[in-house]
Amino acid sequence: MSTAGLYTLIASEPFGVTTNPRWLGGKVLLYSLAIAAGLGIRRTLRPFGAAFGAVMAGSAGPETEPVLRRSVNGCLPYVWAIWLSVLLAALLGVVKPFADL
């Protein structure tokens, strides 16, 4: 996905389109960033399941809460990246900068 976005930004007539769709290339790149951030969330939450299972089973110890806190707090940058990239992609779709060049 990001390869197609970069190609659309770099090529003079990407995919034979002559209407300068550079805004679309930026939009594709932003969506690929959102997907990558989602994968980052999945990776960061990997230790969360076992720790939360221990809490639910009543066998959580003092080492469980830092694991939960680190997992949840570690996801915040990825969540912000998703929100920002989706909002910017929507803005690009509305504004379509450089479409008339």
N, C-alpha and C. Protein backbone atom coordinates (compact mmCIF):
# COMPACT_ATOMS: atom_id res chain seq x y z
N MET A 1 0.81 -1.19 0.00
CA MET A 1 0.00 0.00 0.00
C MET A 1 0.86 1.26 0.00
N SER A 2 1.88 1.26 0.84
CA SER A 2 2.71 2.45 0.90
C SER A 2 3.51 2.62 -0.39
N THR A 3 3.82 1.53 -1.07
CA THR A 3 4.52 1.62 -2.35
C THR A 3 3.66 2.35 -3.38
N ALA A 4 2.38 2.01 -3.43
CA ALA A 4 1.47 2.69 -4.35
C ALA A 4 1.33 4.17 -4.00
N GLY A 5 1.29 4.48 -2.72
CA GLY A 5 1.21 5.87 -2.30
C GLY A 5 2.45 6.66 -2.68
N LEU A 6 3.63 6.07 -2.47
CA LEU A 6 4.87 6.74 -2.85
C LEU A 6 4.95 6.92 -4.36
N TYR A 7 4.55 5.89 -5.10
CA TYR A 7 4.57 5.99 -6.56
C TYR A 7 3.65 7.12 -7.04
N THR A 8 2.49 7.23 -6.43
CA THR A 8 1.54 8.28 -6.82
C THR A 8 2.11 9.66 -6.51
N LEU A 9 2.88 9.78 -5.45
CA LEU A 9 3.48 11.07 -5.10
C LEU A 9 4.64 11.44 -6.02
N ILE A 10 5.39 10.43 -6.49
CA ILE A 10 6.63 10.68 -7.22
C ILE A 10 6.41 10.77 -8.73
N ALA A 11 5.58 9.89 -9.28
CA ALA A 11 5.42 9.81 -10.74
C ALA A 11 4.73 11.06 -11.29
N SER A 12 5.10 11.42 -12.52
CA SER A 12 4.48 12.60 -13.13
C SER A 12 3.05 12.31 -13.57
N GLU A 13 2.78 11.12 -14.07
CA GLU A 13 1.42 10.70 -14.44
C GLU A 13 1.17 9.30 -13.88
N PRO A 14 0.93 9.20 -12.58
CA PRO A 14 0.80 7.88 -11.97
C PRO A 14 -0.40 7.10 -12.52
N PHE A 15 -0.13 5.88 -12.90
CA PHE A 15 -1.16 4.96 -13.40
C PHE A 15 -1.91 5.55 -14.59
N GLY A 16 -1.26 6.43 -15.36
CA GLY A 16 -1.87 7.03 -16.52
C GLY A 16 -2.81 8.18 -16.22
N VAL A 17 -2.90 8.59 -14.99
CA VAL A 17 -3.80 9.68 -14.60
C VAL A 17 -3.09 11.01 -14.82
N THR A 18 -3.73 11.90 -15.54
CA THR A 18 -3.11 13.19 -15.85
C THR A 18 -3.66 14.35 -15.01
N THR A 19 -4.51 14.06 -14.04
CA THR A 19 -5.13 15.12 -13.24
C THR A 19 -4.39 15.38 -11.94
N ASN A 20 -3.14 14.95 -11.84
CA ASN A 20 -2.29 15.19 -10.67
C ASN A 20 -2.93 14.72 -9.36
N PRO A 21 -3.05 13.41 -9.17
CA PRO A 21 -3.67 12.90 -7.94
C PRO A 21 -2.70 12.75 -6.78
N ARG A 22 -1.81 13.71 -6.58
CA ARG A 22 -0.85 13.61 -5.48
C ARG A 22 -1.55 13.57 -4.12
N TRP A 23 -2.68 14.23 -4.00
CA TRP A 23 -3.44 14.18 -2.75
C TRP A 23 -3.87 12.75 -2.46
N LEU A 24 -4.17 11.98 -3.52
CA LEU A 24 -4.58 10.60 -3.32
C LEU A 24 -3.41 9.75 -2.84
N GLY A 25 -2.22 10.03 -3.34
CA GLY A 25 -1.03 9.32 -2.86
C GLY A 25 -0.79 9.58 -1.39
N GLY A 26 -0.97 10.83 -0.97
CA GLY A 26 -0.83 11.16 0.45
C GLY A 26 -1.88 10.45 1.29
N LYS A 27 -3.08 10.35 0.75
CA LYS A 27 -4.16 9.68 1.46
C LYS A 27 -3.86 8.19 1.64
N VAL A 28 -3.34 7.55 0.60
CA VAL A 28 -2.98 6.14 0.69
C VAL A 28 -1.86 5.94 1.71
N LEU A 29 -0.89 6.85 1.71
CA LEU A 29 0.20 6.75 2.70
C LEU A 29 -0.33 6.91 4.13
N LEU A 30 -1.27 7.80 4.32
CA LEU A 30 -1.83 8.00 5.66
C LEU A 30 -2.62 6.77 6.11
N TYR A 31 -3.34 6.15 5.19
CA TYR A 31 -4.07 4.93 5.56
C TYR A 31 -3.10 3.79 5.86
N SER A 32 -2.00 3.72 5.14
CA SER A 32 -1.02 2.67 5.45
C SER A 32 -0.37 2.92 6.81
N LEU A 33 -0.21 4.19 7.18
CA LEU A 33 0.27 4.52 8.53
C LEU A 33 -0.73 4.05 9.58
N ALA A 34 -2.02 4.24 9.32
CA ALA A 34 -3.05 3.80 10.27
C ALA A 34 -3.01 2.28 10.43
N ILE A 35 -2.82 1.57 9.35
CA ILE A 35 -2.74 0.10 9.43
C ILE A 35 -1.51 -0.33 10.20
N ALA A 36 -0.38 0.32 9.95
CA ALA A 36 0.85 0.01 10.68
C ALA A 36 0.68 0.30 12.18
N ALA A 37 -0.01 1.38 12.51
CA ALA A 37 -0.25 1.70 13.92
C ALA A 37 -1.15 0.65 14.56
N GLY A 38 -2.12 0.14 13.82
CA GLY A 38 -2.96 -0.94 14.34
C GLY A 38 -2.15 -2.18 14.64
N LEU A 39 -1.20 -2.48 13.78
CA LEU A 39 -0.31 -3.62 14.04
C LEU A 39 0.56 -3.36 15.27
N GLY A 40 0.96 -2.10 15.45
CA GLY A 40 1.73 -1.74 16.64
C GLY A 40 0.92 -1.95 17.92
N ILE A 41 -0.37 -1.65 17.86
CA ILE A 41 -1.24 -1.88 19.01
C ILE A 41 -1.31 -3.36 19.33
N ARG A 42 -1.48 -4.18 18.29
CA ARG A 42 -1.55 -5.63 18.52
C ARG A 42 -0.26 -6.14 19.17
N ARG A 43 0.88 -5.64 18.71
CA ARG A 43 2.16 -6.07 19.27
C ARG A 43 2.32 -5.60 20.71
N THR A 44 1.92 -4.36 20.98
CA THR A 44 2.07 -3.80 22.32
C THR A 44 1.16 -4.48 23.33
N LEU A 45 -0.02 -4.91 22.89
CA LEU A 45 -0.97 -5.55 23.80
C LEU A 45 -0.73 -7.05 23.99
N ARG A 46 0.30 -7.59 23.37
CA ARG A 46 0.56 -9.03 23.48
C ARG A 46 0.64 -9.51 24.94
N PRO A 47 1.37 -8.84 25.85
CA PRO A 47 1.43 -9.32 27.24
C PRO A 47 0.17 -9.03 28.05
N PHE A 48 -0.74 -8.23 27.51
CA PHE A 48 -1.94 -7.82 28.24
C PHE A 48 -2.85 -9.02 28.54
N GLY A 49 -3.02 -9.92 27.59
CA GLY A 49 -3.96 -11.03 27.74
C GLY A 49 -3.67 -11.91 28.94
N ALA A 50 -2.42 -12.31 29.10
CA ALA A 50 -2.06 -13.17 30.23
C ALA A 50 -2.23 -12.44 31.55
N ALA A 51 -1.84 -11.17 31.58
CA ALA A 51 -1.96 -10.40 32.83
C ALA A 51 -3.42 -10.19 33.18
N PHE A 52 -4.25 -9.88 32.20
CA PHE A 52 -5.67 -9.67 32.47
C PHE A 52 -6.33 -10.99 32.87
N GLY A 53 -5.90 -12.08 32.26
CA GLY A 53 -6.41 -13.40 32.66
C GLY A 53 -6.09 -13.69 34.12
N ALA A 54 -4.90 -13.30 34.57
CA ALA A 54 -4.53 -13.49 35.98
C ALA A 54 -5.40 -12.64 36.89
N VAL A 55 -5.73 -11.43 36.47
CA VAL A 55 -6.62 -10.57 37.27
C VAL A 55 -8.00 -11.21 37.38
N MET A 56 -8.52 -11.68 36.26
CA MET A 56 -9.86 -12.28 36.25
C MET A 56 -9.91 -13.57 37.05
N ALA A 57 -8.80 -14.30 37.08
CA ALA A 57 -8.76 -15.56 37.84
C ALA A 57 -8.50 -15.31 39.32
N GLY A 58 -8.17 -14.09 39.69
CA GLY A 58 -7.92 -13.77 41.09
C GLY A 58 -6.52 -14.13 41.53
N SER A 59 -5.64 -14.44 40.60
CA SER A 59 -4.28 -14.83 40.96
C SER A 59 -3.26 -13.77 40.59
N ALA A 60 -3.70 -12.53 40.47
CA ALA A 60 -2.79 -11.45 40.10
C ALA A 60 -1.92 -11.07 41.28
N GLY A 61 -0.66 -10.83 40.99
CA GLY A 61 0.28 -10.41 42.02
C GLY A 61 0.72 -8.98 41.79
N PRO A 62 1.69 -8.51 42.54
CA PRO A 62 2.16 -7.13 42.39
C PRO A 62 2.85 -6.88 41.03
N GLU A 63 3.26 -7.93 40.34
CA GLU A 63 3.91 -7.75 39.05
C GLU A 63 2.91 -7.62 37.90
N THR A 64 1.63 -7.85 38.19
CA THR A 64 0.61 -7.83 37.14
C THR A 64 0.23 -6.42 36.72
N GLU A 65 0.05 -5.53 37.68
CA GLU A 65 -0.40 -4.18 37.35
C GLU A 65 0.58 -3.42 36.47
N PRO A 66 1.88 -3.49 36.70
CA PRO A 66 2.80 -2.79 35.78
C PRO A 66 2.72 -3.32 34.35
N VAL A 67 2.46 -4.61 34.19
CA VAL A 67 2.33 -5.18 32.85
C VAL A 67 1.09 -4.61 32.17
N LEU A 68 -0.01 -4.55 32.91
CA LEU A 68 -1.24 -3.99 32.35
C LEU A 68 -1.07 -2.51 32.01
N ARG A 69 -0.48 -1.77 32.92
CA ARG A 69 -0.30 -0.33 32.71
C ARG A 69 0.62 -0.07 31.52
N ARG A 70 1.72 -0.81 31.44
CA ARG A 70 2.66 -0.62 30.34
C ARG A 70 2.02 -0.98 28.99
N SER A 71 1.20 -2.02 28.99
CA SER A 71 0.53 -2.43 27.75
C SER A 71 -0.45 -1.38 27.27
N VAL A 72 -1.29 -0.91 28.17
CA VAL A 72 -2.30 0.07 27.78
C VAL A 72 -1.66 1.41 27.44
N ASN A 73 -0.75 1.89 28.28
CA ASN A 73 -0.10 3.18 28.01
C ASN A 73 0.78 3.12 26.77
N GLY A 74 1.35 1.97 26.48
CA GLY A 74 2.18 1.82 25.30
C GLY A 74 1.39 1.93 24.01
N CYS A 75 0.09 1.72 24.08
CA CYS A 75 -0.76 1.82 22.89
C CYS A 75 -1.14 3.25 22.55
N LEU A 76 -1.02 4.16 23.47
CA LEU A 76 -1.48 5.53 23.23
C LEU A 76 -0.84 6.21 22.02
N PRO A 77 0.48 6.10 21.81
CA PRO A 77 1.03 6.73 20.60
C PRO A 77 0.44 6.14 19.31
N TYR A 78 0.18 4.85 19.31
CA TYR A 78 -0.41 4.22 18.12
C TYR A 78 -1.85 4.69 17.91
N VAL A 79 -2.59 4.83 18.99
CA VAL A 79 -3.97 5.31 18.88
C VAL A 79 -4.00 6.73 18.34
N TRP A 80 -3.11 7.58 18.86
CA TRP A 80 -3.03 8.96 18.36
C TRP A 80 -2.63 8.98 16.88
N ALA A 81 -1.71 8.10 16.50
CA ALA A 81 -1.29 8.03 15.09
C ALA A 81 -2.46 7.64 14.19
N ILE A 82 -3.29 6.69 14.65
CA ILE A 82 -4.45 6.29 13.86
C ILE A 82 -5.42 7.46 13.71
N TRP A 83 -5.75 8.10 14.81
CA TRP A 83 -6.69 9.22 14.75
C TRP A 83 -6.16 10.34 13.85
N LEU A 84 -4.90 10.69 14.02
CA LEU A 84 -4.33 11.78 13.23
C LEU A 84 -4.27 11.42 11.75
N SER A 85 -3.85 10.20 11.43
CA SER A 85 -3.75 9.83 10.02
C SER A 85 -5.12 9.75 9.35
N VAL A 86 -6.12 9.25 10.05
CA VAL A 86 -7.47 9.17 9.46
C VAL A 86 -8.05 10.58 9.28
N LEU A 87 -7.85 11.45 10.26
CA LEU A 87 -8.35 12.82 10.12
C LEU A 87 -7.64 13.57 8.98
N LEU A 88 -6.33 13.39 8.86
CA LEU A 88 -5.60 14.04 7.78
C LEU A 88 -5.99 13.47 6.42
N ALA A 89 -6.24 12.15 6.36
CA ALA A 89 -6.69 11.54 5.10
C ALA A 89 -8.05 12.09 4.70
N ALA A 90 -8.92 12.28 5.67
CA ALA A 90 -10.23 12.88 5.36
C ALA A 90 -10.06 14.31 4.87
N LEU A 91 -9.17 15.06 5.50
CA LEU A 91 -8.91 16.43 5.07
C LEU A 91 -8.37 16.47 3.64
N LEU A 92 -7.44 15.56 3.33
CA LEU A 92 -6.92 15.51 1.97
C LEU A 92 -8.02 15.19 0.96
N GLY A 93 -8.95 14.33 1.33
CA GLY A 93 -10.04 13.99 0.43
C GLY A 93 -10.99 15.16 0.18
N VAL A 94 -11.14 16.01 1.16
CA VAL A 94 -12.03 17.17 1.02
C VAL A 94 -11.32 18.32 0.30
N VAL A 95 -10.11 18.63 0.73
CA VAL A 95 -9.38 19.79 0.21
C VAL A 95 -8.75 19.49 -1.16
N LYS A 96 -8.23 18.29 -1.34
CA LYS A 96 -7.55 17.86 -2.58
C LYS A 96 -6.50 18.89 -3.04
N PRO A 97 -5.48 19.10 -2.20
CA PRO A 97 -4.47 20.09 -2.59
C PRO A 97 -3.69 19.63 -3.83
N PHE A 98 -3.25 20.55 -4.61
CA PHE A 98 -2.47 20.33 -5.82
C PHE A 98 -3.25 19.59 -6.91
N ALA A 99 -4.57 19.46 -6.79
CA ALA A 99 -5.36 18.75 -7.79
C ALA A 99 -5.43 19.52 -9.10
N ASP A 100 -5.29 20.82 -9.05
CA ASP A 100 -5.43 21.63 -10.26
C ASP A 100 -4.12 21.92 -10.96
N LEU A 101 -3.01 21.41 -10.43
CA LEU A 101 -1.70 21.71 -11.04
C LEU A 101 -1.50 20.91 -12.30
